[in-house]
Amino acid sequence: MEFENWQVSSTMRELVRQENVKHELSLLAAQQEKVRKYQVYYVKTIELLYFFYICCYIISFFFF
């Protein structure tokens, strides 16, 4: 490993590892939040399409 070549102490290795874990978890949380926003947007879009579909069906049923 690079740490062994640099002769870094085990304490420093652990600190770097912990910081890497924190960074990865923050990236994962940001990614999950973005996915959640897209899922909400997708559901709202589908609901809107269903609403228009129902409206068109009702209009065609009564007027044609």
Protein backbone atom coordinates (compact mmCIF):
# COMPACT_ATOMS: atom_id res chain seq x y z
CA MET A 1 0.00 0.00 0.00
CA GLU A 2 1.00 3.61 -0.42
CA PHE A 3 0.90 4.18 3.31
CA GLU A 4 3.48 1.48 3.87
CA ASN A 5 5.78 3.05 1.28
CA TRP A 6 5.42 6.43 2.97
CA GLN A 7 5.92 4.93 6.44
CA VAL A 8 2.73 6.52 7.80
CA SER A 9 1.65 5.63 11.31
CA SER A 10 -1.36 3.40 11.88
CA THR A 11 -3.14 6.28 13.65
CA MET A 12 -2.79 8.46 10.58
CA ARG A 13 -3.99 5.60 8.37
CA GLU A 14 -7.08 5.21 10.54
CA LEU A 15 -7.80 8.95 10.45
CA VAL A 16 -7.53 8.99 6.66
CA ARG A 17 -9.75 5.93 6.42
CA GLN A 18 -12.38 7.54 8.65
CA GLU A 19 -12.33 10.73 6.57
CA ASN A 20 -12.71 8.68 3.40
CA VAL A 21 -15.69 6.86 4.89
CA LYS A 22 -17.30 10.17 5.93
CA HIS A 23 -16.75 11.58 2.46
CA GLU A 24 -18.19 8.50 0.75
CA LEU A 25 -21.23 8.55 3.04
CA SER A 26 -21.87 12.22 2.31
CA LEU A 27 -21.65 11.54 -1.43
CA LEU A 28 -24.04 8.62 -1.05
CA ALA A 29 -26.50 10.75 0.93
CA ALA A 30 -26.42 13.47 -1.74
CA GLN A 31 -26.97 10.90 -4.47
CA GLN A 32 -29.88 9.32 -2.59
CA GLU A 33 -31.49 12.72 -2.10
CA LYS A 34 -31.20 13.42 -5.82
CA VAL A 35 -32.76 10.03 -6.63
CA ARG A 36 -35.59 10.73 -4.19
CA LYS A 37 -36.31 14.07 -5.87
CA TYR A 38 -36.44 12.41 -9.28
CA GLN A 39 -38.77 9.72 -7.94
CA VAL A 40 -41.14 12.36 -6.56
CA TYR A 41 -41.02 14.21 -9.88
CA TYR A 42 -41.74 10.96 -11.76
CA VAL A 43 -44.74 10.14 -9.56
CA LYS A 44 -46.17 13.63 -10.01
CA THR A 45 -45.72 13.38 -13.78
CA ILE A 46 -47.50 10.02 -13.89
CA GLU A 47 -50.35 11.36 -11.76
CA LEU A 48 -50.74 14.32 -14.09
CA LEU A 49 -50.83 12.03 -17.13
CA TYR A 50 -53.49 9.87 -15.48
CA PHE A 51 -55.53 12.97 -14.68
CA PHE A 52 -55.44 14.10 -18.32
CA TYR A 53 -56.25 10.59 -19.49
CA ILE A 54 -59.31 10.47 -17.22
CA CYS A 55 -60.41 13.94 -18.36
CA CYS A 56 -60.11 12.93 -22.01
CA TYR A 57 -62.03 9.73 -21.34
CA ILE A 58 -64.85 11.61 -19.58
CA ILE A 59 -65.04 14.23 -22.32
CA SER A 60 -65.11 11.62 -25.06
CA PHE A 61 -67.73 9.60 -23.17
CA PHE A 62 -70.16 12.52 -22.82
CA PHE A 63 -69.57 14.38 -26.05
CA PHE A 64 -68.93 11.69 -28.66
